[in-house]
Amino acid sequence: MSLSSYRMHRIYLAATMNFGLGSDYSEELAYYDKIRKEMNDMKKDQIKKGITFNWNISEEIEK
């Protein structure tokens, strides 16, 4: 049996707000764990902000 969109949304909210799921249903637990893993993976990735500078600009202009 697949999860309804309503139930998936409730699980998503619980996972993103660091709430416990409160369910022993294996399909719900798997979906909750998947969301938590994706969130932890996103925290590990570096976010590149701003403008990257190329310090060899004068060398490129001369070529």
N, C-alpha and C. Protein backbone atom coordinates (compact mmCIF):
# COMPACT_ATOMS: atom_id res chain seq x y z
N MET A 1 0.84 -1.18 0.00
CA MET A 1 0.00 0.00 0.00
C MET A 1 0.88 1.24 0.00
N SER A 2 0.65 2.14 -0.90
CA SER A 2 1.45 3.36 -0.98
C SER A 2 0.85 4.42 -0.06
N LEU A 3 1.68 5.41 0.26
CA LEU A 3 1.24 6.48 1.14
C LEU A 3 0.42 7.51 0.37
N SER A 4 -0.58 8.04 1.02
CA SER A 4 -1.36 9.10 0.38
C SER A 4 -0.55 10.39 0.41
N SER A 5 -0.92 11.31 -0.45
CA SER A 5 -0.20 12.57 -0.50
C SER A 5 -0.35 13.33 0.82
N TYR A 6 -1.49 13.20 1.46
CA TYR A 6 -1.71 13.82 2.76
C TYR A 6 -0.73 13.27 3.79
N ARG A 7 -0.59 11.95 3.83
CA ARG A 7 0.30 11.31 4.80
C ARG A 7 1.76 11.66 4.50
N MET A 8 2.13 11.70 3.23
CA MET A 8 3.49 12.06 2.84
C MET A 8 3.81 13.49 3.29
N HIS A 9 2.84 14.38 3.14
CA HIS A 9 3.04 15.77 3.55
C HIS A 9 3.22 15.85 5.07
N ARG A 10 2.43 15.11 5.82
CA ARG A 10 2.56 15.11 7.29
C ARG A 10 3.92 14.57 7.72
N ILE A 11 4.39 13.52 7.06
CA ILE A 11 5.70 12.96 7.37
C ILE A 11 6.80 13.95 7.01
N TYR A 12 6.66 14.63 5.87
CA TYR A 12 7.64 15.63 5.45
C TYR A 12 7.73 16.75 6.48
N LEU A 13 6.60 17.23 6.96
CA LEU A 13 6.60 18.29 7.97
C LEU A 13 7.28 17.82 9.25
N ALA A 14 6.98 16.61 9.67
CA ALA A 14 7.61 16.08 10.88
C ALA A 14 9.12 15.97 10.72
N ALA A 15 9.57 15.52 9.56
CA ALA A 15 11.00 15.35 9.32
C ALA A 15 11.72 16.68 9.25
N THR A 16 11.14 17.67 8.59
CA THR A 16 11.81 18.95 8.43
C THR A 16 11.81 19.77 9.71
N MET A 17 10.87 19.52 10.60
CA MET A 17 10.80 20.26 11.84
C MET A 17 11.45 19.51 13.01
N ASN A 18 12.14 18.41 12.71
CA ASN A 18 12.82 17.59 13.71
C ASN A 18 11.87 17.00 14.74
N PHE A 19 10.65 16.70 14.33
CA PHE A 19 9.71 16.03 15.20
C PHE A 19 9.84 14.53 15.01
N GLY A 20 9.47 13.78 16.01
CA GLY A 20 9.42 12.33 15.88
C GLY A 20 8.22 11.94 15.05
N LEU A 21 8.30 10.79 14.45
CA LEU A 21 7.21 10.35 13.57
C LEU A 21 6.06 9.78 14.37
N GLY A 22 6.33 8.98 15.38
CA GLY A 22 5.26 8.41 16.20
C GLY A 22 4.50 7.33 15.50
N SER A 23 5.14 6.63 14.58
CA SER A 23 4.49 5.56 13.84
C SER A 23 5.44 4.39 13.71
N ASP A 24 4.89 3.20 13.72
CA ASP A 24 5.69 1.99 13.53
C ASP A 24 5.51 1.40 12.14
N TYR A 25 4.76 2.08 11.30
CA TYR A 25 4.49 1.59 9.95
C TYR A 25 5.77 1.70 9.12
N SER A 26 6.22 0.58 8.56
CA SER A 26 7.53 0.52 7.90
C SER A 26 7.64 1.46 6.70
N GLU A 27 6.57 1.62 5.94
CA GLU A 27 6.62 2.49 4.77
C GLU A 27 6.76 3.96 5.18
N GLU A 28 6.07 4.34 6.25
CA GLU A 28 6.19 5.70 6.75
C GLU A 28 7.58 5.95 7.32
N LEU A 29 8.12 4.98 8.04
CA LEU A 29 9.46 5.12 8.60
C LEU A 29 10.51 5.24 7.51
N ALA A 30 10.36 4.48 6.44
CA ALA A 30 11.32 4.53 5.34
C ALA A 30 11.28 5.90 4.67
N TYR A 31 10.08 6.45 4.47
CA TYR A 31 9.95 7.78 3.85
C TYR A 31 10.53 8.85 4.76
N TYR A 32 10.27 8.75 6.06
CA TYR A 32 10.82 9.69 7.05
C TYR A 32 12.34 9.65 7.04
N ASP A 33 12.91 8.45 7.06
CA ASP A 33 14.37 8.30 7.05
C ASP A 33 14.98 8.84 5.76
N LYS A 34 14.30 8.65 4.64
CA LYS A 34 14.78 9.16 3.35
C LYS A 34 14.87 10.69 3.38
N ILE A 35 13.85 11.34 3.91
CA ILE A 35 13.83 12.79 3.97
C ILE A 35 14.92 13.29 4.92
N ARG A 36 15.07 12.66 6.07
CA ARG A 36 16.09 13.07 7.04
C ARG A 36 17.49 12.91 6.44
N LYS A 37 17.72 11.82 5.68
CA LYS A 37 19.03 11.60 5.05
C LYS A 37 19.31 12.68 4.01
N GLU A 38 18.31 13.02 3.20
CA GLU A 38 18.48 14.07 2.19
C GLU A 38 18.79 15.41 2.85
N MET A 39 18.14 15.70 3.97
CA MET A 39 18.40 16.95 4.67
C MET A 39 19.82 16.98 5.23
N ASN A 40 20.28 15.87 5.78
CA ASN A 40 21.64 15.82 6.30
C ASN A 40 22.67 15.94 5.19
N ASP A 41 22.38 15.35 4.03
CA ASP A 41 23.29 15.46 2.89
C ASP A 41 23.37 16.90 2.40
N MET A 42 22.26 17.62 2.42
CA MET A 42 22.25 19.01 2.00
C MET A 42 23.08 19.88 2.94
N LYS A 43 23.07 19.56 4.22
CA LYS A 43 23.85 20.33 5.19
C LYS A 43 25.35 20.14 4.97
N LYS A 44 25.74 18.98 4.46
CA LYS A 44 27.16 18.69 4.25
C LYS A 44 27.71 19.39 3.01
N ASP A 45 26.88 19.63 2.02
CA ASP A 45 27.33 20.27 0.79
C ASP A 45 27.64 21.74 1.06
N GLN A 46 28.72 22.20 0.47
CA GLN A 46 29.06 23.60 0.59
C GLN A 46 28.21 24.42 -0.37
N ILE A 47 27.81 25.56 0.10
CA ILE A 47 27.05 26.47 -0.74
C ILE A 47 28.01 27.55 -1.22
N LYS A 48 28.11 27.67 -2.53
CA LYS A 48 29.01 28.67 -3.09
C LYS A 48 28.22 29.95 -3.32
N LYS A 49 28.65 31.00 -2.66
CA LYS A 49 27.97 32.28 -2.78
C LYS A 49 28.93 33.32 -3.32
N GLY A 50 28.38 34.32 -3.91
CA GLY A 50 29.18 35.44 -4.36
C GLY A 50 29.81 35.21 -5.71
N ILE A 51 30.74 36.08 -6.02
CA ILE A 51 31.41 36.06 -7.31
C ILE A 51 32.78 35.42 -7.12
N THR A 52 33.10 34.49 -7.98
CA THR A 52 34.44 33.89 -7.92
C THR A 52 35.39 34.77 -8.70
N PHE A 53 36.55 34.97 -8.16
CA PHE A 53 37.54 35.82 -8.80
C PHE A 53 38.63 34.97 -9.43
N ASN A 54 39.04 35.36 -10.60
CA ASN A 54 40.16 34.72 -11.26
C ASN A 54 41.33 35.68 -11.16
N TRP A 55 42.33 35.32 -10.39
CA TRP A 55 43.45 36.22 -10.12
C TRP A 55 44.41 36.30 -11.29
N ASN A 56 44.22 35.54 -12.34
CA ASN A 56 45.09 35.55 -13.50
C ASN A 56 44.47 36.33 -14.65
N ILE A 57 43.74 37.38 -14.36
CA ILE A 57 43.04 38.14 -15.38
C ILE A 57 44.04 38.84 -16.31
N SER A 58 45.06 39.41 -15.76
CA SER A 58 46.02 40.13 -16.60
C SER A 58 46.72 39.18 -17.57
N GLU A 59 46.98 37.96 -17.18
CA GLU A 59 47.59 36.98 -18.08
C GLU A 59 46.65 36.62 -19.21
N GLU A 60 45.37 36.53 -18.93
CA GLU A 60 44.40 36.19 -19.97
C GLU A 60 44.24 37.33 -20.96
N ILE A 61 44.32 38.57 -20.49
CA ILE A 61 44.16 39.73 -21.37
C ILE A 61 45.35 39.83 -22.33
N GLU A 62 46.53 39.51 -21.86
CA GLU A 62 47.74 39.61 -22.68
C GLU A 62 47.77 38.58 -23.81
N LYS A 63 47.08 37.48 -23.64
CA LYS A 63 47.11 36.40 -24.65
C LYS A 63 46.31 36.71 -25.85
